[in-house]
């Protein structure tokens, strides 16, 4: 299974190299506009986002914009796990392992305090299975039952099937897109209001 996962990671890297930064930015805007139109996002007071790395759906503007009206939290690595810290300002971020930017002084919250957790990934399938970088950080953060998890990705990251194991945590929603449009995929419905459509 590990070989299969690594093959997918290599193919996604190859596909990423075929896209330029302009395409990534335009596609990110389409994907995040679709995310922002979800009822659950509009209503949420506390949302976990992420500060994107190169190659991921670009979230810096989203984080800064919504931090003025919502409690926005970002993941912070702590040992082999993640905690969530509130984003207050770009100047409060510091570079940590793997080049990830993390809040320094924001208040800490648990995943159960979030009304929505937005998750990056290397690849996804339509059943919500997610392939990360293989470190297991998000799987450990998201194992708590009842969390509402939304993956975001570019169209080339959507796969027919992602190999998964018992400890892998699947998404409830996916927003997948390109520079032309973005699609909402409802994978699972742990709560009745999961994705009442916009």
N, C-alpha and C. Protein backbone atom coordinates (compact mmCIF):
# COMPACT_ATOMS: atom_id res chain seq x y z
N UNK A 1 0.82 -1.21 0.00
CA UNK A 1 0.00 0.00 0.00
C UNK A 1 0.86 1.27 0.00
N UNK A 2 1.99 1.22 0.71
CA UNK A 2 2.87 2.38 0.76
C UNK A 2 3.41 2.72 -0.63
N UNK A 3 3.74 1.67 -1.43
CA UNK A 3 4.22 1.91 -2.79
C UNK A 3 3.15 2.59 -3.63
N UNK A 4 1.91 2.16 -3.46
CA UNK A 4 0.81 2.75 -4.21
C UNK A 4 0.63 4.22 -3.83
N UNK A 5 0.71 4.50 -2.55
CA UNK A 5 0.60 5.90 -2.10
C UNK A 5 1.74 6.75 -2.65
N UNK A 6 2.95 6.21 -2.63
CA UNK A 6 4.09 6.98 -3.13
C UNK A 6 3.99 7.21 -4.63
N UNK A 7 3.43 6.25 -5.36
CA UNK A 7 3.21 6.42 -6.80
C UNK A 7 2.26 7.57 -7.05
N UNK A 8 1.18 7.65 -6.27
CA UNK A 8 0.22 8.75 -6.41
C UNK A 8 0.90 10.07 -6.08
N UNK A 9 1.68 10.11 -5.01
CA UNK A 9 2.38 11.35 -4.65
C UNK A 9 3.30 11.82 -5.79
N UNK A 10 4.01 10.89 -6.41
CA UNK A 10 4.91 11.24 -7.51
C UNK A 10 4.13 11.79 -8.70
N UNK A 11 3.00 11.18 -9.01
CA UNK A 11 2.19 11.65 -10.13
C UNK A 11 1.61 13.03 -9.86
N UNK A 12 1.18 13.27 -8.63
CA UNK A 12 0.65 14.59 -8.28
C UNK A 12 1.74 15.65 -8.39
N UNK A 13 2.94 15.34 -7.95
CA UNK A 13 4.06 16.28 -8.11
C UNK A 13 4.32 16.59 -9.58
N UNK A 14 4.25 15.55 -10.41
CA UNK A 14 4.46 15.76 -11.85
C UNK A 14 3.39 16.67 -12.43
N UNK A 15 2.13 16.42 -12.04
CA UNK A 15 1.02 17.25 -12.53
C UNK A 15 1.16 18.69 -12.04
N UNK A 16 1.61 18.86 -10.81
CA UNK A 16 1.77 20.21 -10.25
C UNK A 16 2.80 21.01 -11.04
N UNK A 17 3.84 20.36 -11.49
CA UNK A 17 4.89 21.05 -12.24
C UNK A 17 4.40 21.57 -13.59
N UNK A 18 3.28 21.03 -14.08
CA UNK A 18 2.73 21.47 -15.36
C UNK A 18 1.89 22.74 -15.23
N UNK A 19 1.58 23.14 -13.99
CA UNK A 19 0.77 24.34 -13.76
C UNK A 19 1.66 25.48 -13.29
N UNK A 20 1.31 26.69 -13.71
CA UNK A 20 2.08 27.84 -13.25
C UNK A 20 1.39 28.53 -12.07
N UNK A 21 2.07 29.52 -11.52
CA UNK A 21 1.55 30.18 -10.32
C UNK A 21 0.24 30.92 -10.61
N UNK A 22 0.12 31.50 -11.79
CA UNK A 22 -1.12 32.20 -12.15
C UNK A 22 -2.31 31.24 -12.13
N UNK A 23 -2.11 30.04 -12.70
CA UNK A 23 -3.18 29.03 -12.69
C UNK A 23 -3.54 28.66 -11.26
N UNK A 24 -2.53 28.46 -10.40
CA UNK A 24 -2.78 28.07 -9.01
C UNK A 24 -3.57 29.15 -8.28
N UNK A 25 -3.20 30.41 -8.50
CA UNK A 25 -3.90 31.49 -7.81
C UNK A 25 -5.35 31.60 -8.29
N UNK A 26 -5.58 31.54 -9.59
CA UNK A 26 -6.94 31.63 -10.12
C UNK A 26 -7.78 30.44 -9.66
N UNK A 27 -7.19 29.26 -9.67
CA UNK A 27 -7.91 28.06 -9.22
C UNK A 27 -8.21 28.15 -7.73
N UNK A 28 -7.26 28.64 -6.95
CA UNK A 28 -7.47 28.80 -5.51
C UNK A 28 -8.63 29.75 -5.24
N UNK A 29 -8.70 30.84 -5.98
CA UNK A 29 -9.80 31.78 -5.81
C UNK A 29 -11.15 31.12 -6.07
N UNK A 30 -11.24 30.32 -7.14
CA UNK A 30 -12.49 29.63 -7.46
C UNK A 30 -12.87 28.63 -6.37
N UNK A 31 -11.90 27.87 -5.89
CA UNK A 31 -12.14 26.86 -4.85
C UNK A 31 -12.60 27.53 -3.56
N UNK A 32 -11.93 28.61 -3.16
CA UNK A 32 -12.25 29.23 -1.87
C UNK A 32 -13.54 30.04 -1.93
N UNK A 33 -13.87 30.59 -3.10
CA UNK A 33 -15.19 31.24 -3.24
C UNK A 33 -16.30 30.22 -3.00
N UNK A 34 -16.09 29.00 -3.52
CA UNK A 34 -17.11 27.94 -3.33
C UNK A 34 -17.18 27.54 -1.86
N UNK A 35 -16.04 27.44 -1.21
CA UNK A 35 -16.01 27.12 0.22
C UNK A 35 -16.75 28.19 1.02
N UNK A 36 -16.51 29.45 0.72
CA UNK A 36 -17.12 30.55 1.47
C UNK A 36 -18.63 30.60 1.31
N UNK A 37 -19.15 30.01 0.24
CA UNK A 37 -20.60 30.02 0.02
C UNK A 37 -21.32 28.90 0.75
N UNK A 38 -20.60 28.00 1.37
CA UNK A 38 -21.25 26.93 2.14
C UNK A 38 -21.96 27.53 3.35
N UNK A 39 -23.16 27.07 3.61
CA UNK A 39 -23.90 27.54 4.79
C UNK A 39 -23.09 27.36 6.06
N UNK A 40 -22.44 26.21 6.17
CA UNK A 40 -21.71 25.92 7.40
C UNK A 40 -20.55 26.89 7.59
N UNK A 41 -19.92 27.31 6.50
CA UNK A 41 -18.84 28.29 6.61
C UNK A 41 -19.41 29.66 6.97
N UNK A 42 -20.50 30.04 6.33
CA UNK A 42 -21.09 31.35 6.60
C UNK A 42 -21.52 31.48 8.06
N UNK A 43 -22.08 30.40 8.62
CA UNK A 43 -22.61 30.45 9.99
C UNK A 43 -21.54 30.28 11.05
N UNK A 44 -20.43 29.64 10.69
CA UNK A 44 -19.42 29.26 11.70
C UNK A 44 -18.77 30.48 12.34
N UNK A 45 -18.61 30.41 13.65
CA UNK A 45 -17.85 31.44 14.37
C UNK A 45 -16.39 31.03 14.53
N UNK A 46 -16.13 29.70 14.60
CA UNK A 46 -14.76 29.19 14.77
C UNK A 46 -14.45 28.21 13.65
N UNK A 47 -13.41 28.52 12.89
CA UNK A 47 -13.02 27.69 11.74
C UNK A 47 -11.52 27.43 11.80
N UNK A 48 -11.13 26.19 11.58
CA UNK A 48 -9.71 25.86 11.44
C UNK A 48 -9.37 25.89 9.95
N UNK A 49 -8.42 26.72 9.59
CA UNK A 49 -7.90 26.79 8.23
C UNK A 49 -6.44 26.34 8.25
N UNK A 50 -5.68 26.65 7.24
CA UNK A 50 -4.25 26.35 7.23
C UNK A 50 -3.57 27.47 6.44
N UNK A 51 -2.32 27.72 6.76
CA UNK A 51 -1.52 28.73 6.04
C UNK A 51 -0.77 27.97 4.95
N UNK A 52 -1.18 28.17 3.71
CA UNK A 52 -0.75 27.29 2.62
C UNK A 52 0.75 27.35 2.34
N UNK A 53 1.25 26.21 1.93
CA UNK A 53 2.62 26.07 1.42
C UNK A 53 2.58 26.18 -0.11
N UNK A 54 3.72 26.41 -0.75
CA UNK A 54 3.73 26.43 -2.21
C UNK A 54 3.16 25.12 -2.77
N UNK A 55 2.29 25.22 -3.76
CA UNK A 55 1.68 24.04 -4.36
C UNK A 55 0.32 23.68 -3.78
N UNK A 56 -0.01 24.22 -2.61
CA UNK A 56 -1.32 23.96 -2.02
C UNK A 56 -2.32 25.04 -2.44
N UNK A 57 -3.61 24.76 -2.27
CA UNK A 57 -4.63 25.78 -2.48
C UNK A 57 -4.27 26.97 -1.60
N UNK A 58 -4.11 28.15 -2.21
CA UNK A 58 -3.58 29.34 -1.55
C UNK A 58 -4.61 29.94 -0.59
N UNK A 59 -4.25 30.03 0.69
CA UNK A 59 -5.22 30.45 1.71
C UNK A 59 -4.85 31.72 2.47
N UNK A 60 -3.72 32.33 2.18
CA UNK A 60 -3.26 33.46 3.01
C UNK A 60 -4.30 34.57 3.06
N UNK A 61 -4.84 34.96 1.89
CA UNK A 61 -5.83 36.04 1.86
C UNK A 61 -7.11 35.63 2.60
N UNK A 62 -7.51 34.38 2.44
CA UNK A 62 -8.71 33.87 3.12
C UNK A 62 -8.56 33.96 4.63
N UNK A 63 -7.43 33.50 5.13
CA UNK A 63 -7.17 33.53 6.57
C UNK A 63 -7.24 34.96 7.09
N UNK A 64 -6.54 35.87 6.42
CA UNK A 64 -6.51 37.26 6.90
C UNK A 64 -7.88 37.91 6.81
N UNK A 65 -8.58 37.68 5.72
CA UNK A 65 -9.89 38.31 5.54
C UNK A 65 -10.89 37.88 6.61
N UNK A 66 -10.97 36.57 6.86
CA UNK A 66 -12.00 36.08 7.78
C UNK A 66 -11.59 36.20 9.24
N UNK A 67 -10.31 36.42 9.51
CA UNK A 67 -9.89 36.58 10.91
C UNK A 67 -10.46 37.87 11.52
N UNK A 68 -10.97 38.76 10.68
CA UNK A 68 -11.57 39.99 11.19
C UNK A 68 -12.99 39.79 11.69
N UNK A 69 -13.65 38.70 11.26
CA UNK A 69 -15.04 38.50 11.68
C UNK A 69 -15.32 37.11 12.26
N UNK A 70 -14.36 36.20 12.18
CA UNK A 70 -14.49 34.86 12.76
C UNK A 70 -13.24 34.55 13.59
N UNK A 71 -13.36 33.53 14.43
CA UNK A 71 -12.18 33.03 15.13
C UNK A 71 -11.52 32.00 14.20
N UNK A 72 -10.39 32.36 13.65
CA UNK A 72 -9.68 31.50 12.70
C UNK A 72 -8.48 30.88 13.41
N UNK A 73 -8.37 29.56 13.31
CA UNK A 73 -7.28 28.82 13.95
C UNK A 73 -6.43 28.13 12.88
N UNK A 74 -5.15 28.01 13.16
CA UNK A 74 -4.22 27.33 12.27
C UNK A 74 -3.53 26.20 13.02
N UNK A 75 -3.15 25.14 12.31
CA UNK A 75 -2.46 24.03 12.98
C UNK A 75 -1.02 24.40 13.36
N UNK A 76 -0.61 23.88 14.51
CA UNK A 76 0.75 24.06 15.02
C UNK A 76 1.27 22.68 15.40
N UNK A 77 2.44 22.33 14.90
CA UNK A 77 3.03 21.02 15.23
C UNK A 77 3.54 21.00 16.66
N UNK A 78 3.17 19.95 17.34
CA UNK A 78 3.62 19.75 18.72
C UNK A 78 3.99 18.27 18.85
N UNK A 79 5.28 17.98 18.84
CA UNK A 79 5.71 16.58 18.80
C UNK A 79 5.27 15.96 17.49
N UNK A 80 4.57 14.81 17.59
CA UNK A 80 4.07 14.13 16.39
C UNK A 80 2.62 14.50 16.09
N UNK A 81 2.09 15.47 16.80
CA UNK A 81 0.69 15.84 16.61
C UNK A 81 0.52 17.30 16.24
N UNK A 82 -0.73 17.71 16.13
CA UNK A 82 -1.09 19.09 15.84
C UNK A 82 -1.98 19.63 16.94
N UNK A 83 -1.78 20.89 17.28
CA UNK A 83 -2.75 21.63 18.08
C UNK A 83 -3.24 22.79 17.21
N UNK A 84 -4.27 23.48 17.65
CA UNK A 84 -4.81 24.61 16.90
C UNK A 84 -4.58 25.89 17.69
N UNK A 85 -4.01 26.90 17.02
CA UNK A 85 -3.82 28.20 17.65
C UNK A 85 -4.51 29.27 16.83
N UNK A 86 -5.08 30.24 17.53
CA UNK A 86 -5.81 31.29 16.84
C UNK A 86 -4.86 32.19 16.06
N UNK A 87 -5.25 32.50 14.82
CA UNK A 87 -4.50 33.44 14.00
C UNK A 87 -4.89 34.86 14.40
N UNK A 88 -3.90 35.70 14.66
CA UNK A 88 -4.17 37.09 15.00
C UNK A 88 -3.63 38.05 13.95
N UNK A 89 -2.46 37.71 13.39
CA UNK A 89 -1.82 38.63 12.45
C UNK A 89 -0.71 37.89 11.73
N UNK A 90 -0.47 38.23 10.48
CA UNK A 90 0.61 37.63 9.70
C UNK A 90 1.97 37.77 10.41
N UNK A 91 2.14 38.89 11.11
CA UNK A 91 3.42 39.15 11.79
C UNK A 91 3.63 38.26 13.01
N UNK A 92 2.58 37.53 13.43
CA UNK A 92 2.70 36.62 14.57
C UNK A 92 3.06 35.20 14.12
N UNK A 93 3.27 35.00 12.83
CA UNK A 93 3.61 33.67 12.32
C UNK A 93 5.12 33.47 12.36
N UNK A 94 5.53 32.22 12.64
CA UNK A 94 6.95 31.88 12.55
C UNK A 94 7.09 30.59 11.75
N UNK A 95 8.21 30.47 11.07
CA UNK A 95 8.45 29.28 10.25
C UNK A 95 8.88 28.12 11.14
N UNK A 96 8.19 26.99 10.98
CA UNK A 96 8.48 25.79 11.77
C UNK A 96 8.97 24.68 10.83
N UNK A 97 8.87 23.45 11.29
CA UNK A 97 9.31 22.31 10.47
C UNK A 97 8.59 22.28 9.12
N UNK A 98 9.28 21.78 8.11
CA UNK A 98 8.75 21.62 6.76
C UNK A 98 8.36 22.95 6.11
N UNK A 99 8.82 24.07 6.68
CA UNK A 99 8.51 25.38 6.12
C UNK A 99 7.13 25.90 6.46
N UNK A 100 6.42 25.22 7.37
CA UNK A 100 5.06 25.61 7.74
C UNK A 100 5.10 26.87 8.62
N UNK A 101 4.25 27.83 8.33
CA UNK A 101 4.13 29.04 9.14
C UNK A 101 3.07 28.79 10.23
N UNK A 102 3.42 29.06 11.48
CA UNK A 102 2.54 28.77 12.60
C UNK A 102 2.37 30.00 13.49
N UNK A 103 1.15 30.20 14.06
CA UNK A 103 0.97 31.29 15.04
C UNK A 103 1.81 31.04 16.29
N UNK A 104 2.29 32.12 16.88
CA UNK A 104 3.12 32.02 18.07
C UNK A 104 2.32 32.26 19.34
N UNK A 105 1.52 33.31 19.36
CA UNK A 105 0.91 33.75 20.63
C UNK A 105 -0.59 33.52 20.72
N UNK A 106 -1.24 33.08 19.67
CA UNK A 106 -2.70 32.93 19.71
C UNK A 106 -3.17 31.92 20.73
N UNK A 107 -4.42 32.08 21.18
CA UNK A 107 -5.01 31.12 22.14
C UNK A 107 -5.14 29.75 21.48
N UNK A 108 -5.08 28.72 22.30
CA UNK A 108 -5.18 27.34 21.82
C UNK A 108 -6.61 26.83 21.95
N UNK A 109 -7.05 26.04 20.98
CA UNK A 109 -8.37 25.41 21.03
C UNK A 109 -8.24 23.97 20.54
N UNK A 110 -9.22 23.16 20.88
CA UNK A 110 -9.24 21.77 20.44
C UNK A 110 -10.04 21.63 19.16
N UNK A 111 -9.85 20.54 18.43
CA UNK A 111 -10.61 20.34 17.20
C UNK A 111 -12.12 20.32 17.43
N UNK A 112 -12.54 19.85 18.60
CA UNK A 112 -13.97 19.82 18.92
C UNK A 112 -14.59 21.20 19.09
N UNK A 113 -13.75 22.23 19.24
CA UNK A 113 -14.25 23.61 19.35
C UNK A 113 -14.53 24.22 17.98
N UNK A 114 -14.12 23.55 16.92
CA UNK A 114 -14.27 24.09 15.57
C UNK A 114 -15.61 23.67 14.97
N UNK A 115 -16.26 24.58 14.28
CA UNK A 115 -17.48 24.25 13.55
C UNK A 115 -17.17 23.71 12.16
N UNK A 116 -15.96 23.97 11.69
CA UNK A 116 -15.51 23.46 10.39
C UNK A 116 -13.98 23.42 10.42
N UNK A 117 -13.42 22.33 9.89
CA UNK A 117 -11.97 22.21 9.77
C UNK A 117 -11.64 22.01 8.29
N UNK A 118 -10.88 22.93 7.73
CA UNK A 118 -10.52 22.90 6.31
C UNK A 118 -9.11 22.30 6.21
N UNK A 119 -8.98 21.28 5.35
CA UNK A 119 -7.80 20.43 5.36
C UNK A 119 -7.16 20.38 3.97
N UNK A 120 -5.84 20.60 3.88
CA UNK A 120 -5.14 20.38 2.62
C UNK A 120 -4.78 18.91 2.46
N UNK A 121 -4.28 18.55 1.31
CA UNK A 121 -3.83 17.18 1.10
C UNK A 121 -3.07 17.06 -0.21
N UNK A 122 -2.39 15.94 -0.37
CA UNK A 122 -1.72 15.68 -1.64
C UNK A 122 -2.73 15.22 -2.68
N UNK A 123 -3.69 14.38 -2.26
CA UNK A 123 -4.71 13.86 -3.17
C UNK A 123 -5.92 13.41 -2.37
N UNK A 124 -7.07 13.35 -3.07
CA UNK A 124 -8.33 12.91 -2.47
C UNK A 124 -9.08 12.05 -3.49
N UNK A 125 -10.06 11.28 -3.00
CA UNK A 125 -11.03 10.67 -3.92
C UNK A 125 -12.44 11.11 -3.52
N UNK A 126 -13.42 10.75 -4.34
CA UNK A 126 -14.78 11.28 -4.14
C UNK A 126 -15.47 10.69 -2.91
N UNK A 127 -14.88 9.66 -2.32
CA UNK A 127 -15.42 9.11 -1.06
C UNK A 127 -14.85 9.85 0.15
N UNK A 128 -14.00 10.84 -0.10
CA UNK A 128 -13.44 11.63 0.99
C UNK A 128 -12.11 11.13 1.52
N UNK A 129 -11.61 10.03 0.95
CA UNK A 129 -10.31 9.54 1.41
C UNK A 129 -9.22 10.53 1.02
N UNK A 130 -8.29 10.73 1.91
CA UNK A 130 -7.25 11.75 1.76
C UNK A 130 -5.87 11.12 1.83
N UNK A 131 -4.99 11.59 0.96
CA UNK A 131 -3.59 11.20 1.00
C UNK A 131 -2.78 12.43 1.37
N UNK A 132 -2.05 12.34 2.50
CA UNK A 132 -1.21 13.44 2.93
C UNK A 132 0.24 13.16 2.56
N UNK A 133 1.14 13.76 3.31
CA UNK A 133 2.56 13.58 3.03
C UNK A 133 3.15 12.37 3.75
N UNK A 134 2.32 11.66 4.51
CA UNK A 134 2.77 10.43 5.13
C UNK A 134 3.21 10.55 6.57
N UNK A 135 3.06 11.73 7.17
CA UNK A 135 3.49 11.92 8.56
C UNK A 135 2.37 11.64 9.56
N UNK A 136 1.12 11.68 9.10
CA UNK A 136 -0.01 11.35 9.98
C UNK A 136 -0.48 12.48 10.89
N UNK A 137 0.01 13.71 10.69
CA UNK A 137 -0.35 14.82 11.58
C UNK A 137 -1.87 15.06 11.59
N UNK A 138 -2.45 15.20 10.41
CA UNK A 138 -3.88 15.50 10.36
C UNK A 138 -4.74 14.32 10.82
N UNK A 139 -4.32 13.10 10.52
CA UNK A 139 -5.08 11.94 11.00
C UNK A 139 -5.18 11.94 12.52
N UNK A 140 -4.09 12.29 13.19
CA UNK A 140 -4.11 12.32 14.66
C UNK A 140 -4.99 13.47 15.17
N UNK A 141 -4.96 14.61 14.47
CA UNK A 141 -5.79 15.75 14.89
C UNK A 141 -7.27 15.46 14.71
N UNK A 142 -7.63 14.78 13.63
CA UNK A 142 -9.03 14.67 13.21
C UNK A 142 -9.72 13.39 13.64
N UNK A 143 -9.08 12.58 14.49
CA UNK A 143 -9.68 11.28 14.85
C UNK A 143 -10.91 11.42 15.73
N UNK A 144 -11.08 12.58 16.37
CA UNK A 144 -12.21 12.79 17.28
C UNK A 144 -13.54 12.69 16.50
N UNK A 145 -14.51 11.93 16.98
CA UNK A 145 -15.77 11.80 16.25
C UNK A 145 -16.57 13.10 16.24
N UNK A 146 -17.36 13.28 15.17
CA UNK A 146 -18.27 14.42 15.10
C UNK A 146 -17.69 15.68 14.49
N UNK A 147 -16.42 15.66 14.09
CA UNK A 147 -15.83 16.84 13.49
C UNK A 147 -16.30 16.97 12.04
N UNK A 148 -16.50 18.20 11.58
CA UNK A 148 -16.88 18.44 10.19
C UNK A 148 -15.63 18.86 9.43
N UNK A 149 -15.23 18.02 8.48
CA UNK A 149 -13.94 18.17 7.80
C UNK A 149 -14.15 18.41 6.31
N UNK A 150 -13.55 19.48 5.80
CA UNK A 150 -13.66 19.80 4.37
C UNK A 150 -12.27 19.84 3.75
N UNK A 151 -12.03 18.97 2.79
CA UNK A 151 -10.78 19.00 2.05
C UNK A 151 -10.89 19.97 0.88
N UNK A 152 -9.78 20.62 0.56
CA UNK A 152 -9.74 21.50 -0.61
C UNK A 152 -8.58 21.06 -1.50
N UNK A 153 -8.81 21.06 -2.82
CA UNK A 153 -7.76 20.59 -3.73
C UNK A 153 -7.98 21.09 -5.14
N UNK A 154 -6.92 21.04 -5.92
CA UNK A 154 -7.00 21.32 -7.35
C UNK A 154 -7.53 20.08 -8.07
N UNK A 155 -8.05 20.28 -9.29
CA UNK A 155 -8.67 19.16 -9.99
C UNK A 155 -7.72 17.99 -10.24
N UNK A 156 -6.44 18.26 -10.48
CA UNK A 156 -5.51 17.17 -10.76
C UNK A 156 -5.19 16.34 -9.51
N UNK A 157 -5.58 16.85 -8.34
CA UNK A 157 -5.35 16.09 -7.10
C UNK A 157 -6.48 15.10 -6.81
N UNK A 158 -7.56 15.15 -7.59
CA UNK A 158 -8.67 14.23 -7.38
C UNK A 158 -8.37 12.92 -8.11
N UNK A 159 -8.38 11.83 -7.37
CA UNK A 159 -8.04 10.52 -7.89
C UNK A 159 -9.26 9.59 -7.89
N UNK A 160 -9.20 8.58 -8.71
CA UNK A 160 -10.28 7.58 -8.76
C UNK A 160 -10.42 6.87 -7.42
N UNK A 161 -9.27 6.53 -6.83
CA UNK A 161 -9.28 5.81 -5.55
C UNK A 161 -7.99 6.10 -4.79
N UNK A 162 -8.15 6.44 -3.52
CA UNK A 162 -7.00 6.63 -2.63
C UNK A 162 -6.93 5.41 -1.71
N UNK A 163 -5.81 4.69 -1.70
CA UNK A 163 -5.68 3.57 -0.76
C UNK A 163 -5.73 4.10 0.67
N UNK A 164 -6.47 3.40 1.52
CA UNK A 164 -6.60 3.90 2.89
C UNK A 164 -6.60 2.75 3.89
N UNK A 165 -6.23 3.12 5.11
CA UNK A 165 -6.15 2.16 6.21
C UNK A 165 -7.07 2.60 7.33
N UNK A 166 -7.19 1.78 8.36
CA UNK A 166 -8.16 2.04 9.43
C UNK A 166 -7.90 3.37 10.13
N UNK A 167 -6.63 3.77 10.24
CA UNK A 167 -6.31 5.01 10.98
C UNK A 167 -6.47 6.26 10.12
N UNK A 168 -6.67 6.11 8.81
CA UNK A 168 -6.83 7.27 7.93
C UNK A 168 -8.20 7.90 8.13
N UNK A 169 -8.24 9.22 8.27
CA UNK A 169 -9.49 9.94 8.52
C UNK A 169 -10.00 10.52 7.20
N UNK A 170 -11.23 10.21 6.86
CA UNK A 170 -11.83 10.70 5.61
C UNK A 170 -12.50 12.05 5.83
N UNK A 171 -12.63 12.80 4.73
CA UNK A 171 -13.31 14.09 4.75
C UNK A 171 -14.82 13.91 4.61
N UNK A 172 -15.56 14.88 5.09
CA UNK A 172 -17.02 14.89 4.91
C UNK A 172 -17.40 15.62 3.63
N UNK A 173 -16.62 16.63 3.28
CA UNK A 173 -16.84 17.44 2.09
C UNK A 173 -15.52 17.64 1.37
N UNK A 174 -15.61 17.84 0.06
CA UNK A 174 -14.45 18.26 -0.72
C UNK A 174 -14.87 19.42 -1.60
N UNK A 175 -13.98 20.40 -1.73
CA UNK A 175 -14.15 21.43 -2.75
C UNK A 175 -12.94 21.31 -3.67
N UNK A 176 -13.23 20.95 -4.91
CA UNK A 176 -12.19 20.64 -5.88
C UNK A 176 -12.39 21.55 -7.09
N UNK A 177 -11.30 22.11 -7.63
CA UNK A 177 -11.50 23.02 -8.74
C UNK A 177 -10.29 23.29 -9.58
N UNK A 178 -10.52 24.13 -10.59
CA UNK A 178 -9.48 24.59 -11.50
C UNK A 178 -9.68 26.08 -11.71
N UNK A 179 -8.97 26.64 -12.69
CA UNK A 179 -9.12 28.07 -12.95
C UNK A 179 -10.47 28.41 -13.59
N UNK A 180 -11.25 27.39 -13.97
CA UNK A 180 -12.56 27.64 -14.60
C UNK A 180 -13.72 27.54 -13.62
N UNK A 181 -13.71 26.56 -12.74
CA UNK A 181 -14.81 26.41 -11.78
C UNK A 181 -14.38 25.51 -10.63
N UNK A 182 -15.29 25.40 -9.65
CA UNK A 182 -15.02 24.55 -8.49
C UNK A 182 -16.29 23.75 -8.18
N UNK A 183 -16.10 22.54 -7.72
CA UNK A 183 -17.19 21.61 -7.46
C UNK A 183 -17.22 21.24 -5.98
N UNK A 184 -18.42 21.21 -5.41
CA UNK A 184 -18.61 20.70 -4.06
C UNK A 184 -18.96 19.22 -4.13
N UNK A 185 -18.25 18.41 -3.39
CA UNK A 185 -18.51 16.97 -3.32
C UNK A 185 -18.87 16.63 -1.89
N UNK A 186 -20.06 16.10 -1.68
CA UNK A 186 -20.49 15.67 -0.34
C UNK A 186 -20.14 14.20 -0.19
N UNK A 187 -19.19 13.91 0.68
CA UNK A 187 -18.68 12.55 0.83
C UNK A 187 -19.43 11.76 1.89
N UNK A 188 -19.63 12.40 3.04
CA UNK A 188 -20.28 11.76 4.18
C UNK A 188 -21.13 12.81 4.86
N UNK A 189 -22.13 12.38 5.62
CA UNK A 189 -23.00 13.34 6.28
C UNK A 189 -23.14 13.00 7.76
N UNK A 190 -22.12 13.32 8.57
CA UNK A 190 -22.21 13.02 10.00
C UNK A 190 -23.18 13.90 10.72
N UNK A 191 -23.50 15.05 10.12
CA UNK A 191 -24.47 15.96 10.71
C UNK A 191 -25.46 16.34 9.64
N UNK A 192 -26.70 16.57 9.99
CA UNK A 192 -27.73 16.85 9.00
C UNK A 192 -27.46 18.10 8.21
N UNK A 193 -26.75 19.05 8.83
CA UNK A 193 -26.53 20.32 8.15
C UNK A 193 -25.20 20.36 7.42
N UNK A 194 -24.54 19.20 7.24
CA UNK A 194 -23.18 19.18 6.72
C UNK A 194 -22.96 20.15 5.57
N UNK A 195 -23.75 20.09 4.55
CA UNK A 195 -23.45 20.94 3.40
C UNK A 195 -24.72 21.39 2.71
N UNK A 196 -25.61 21.95 3.47
CA UNK A 196 -26.78 22.49 2.79
C UNK A 196 -26.28 23.51 1.79
N UNK A 197 -26.59 23.29 0.56
CA UNK A 197 -25.86 23.94 -0.53
C UNK A 197 -26.14 25.42 -0.64
N UNK A 198 -25.13 26.15 -1.12
CA UNK A 198 -25.27 27.57 -1.42
C UNK A 198 -25.65 27.73 -2.89
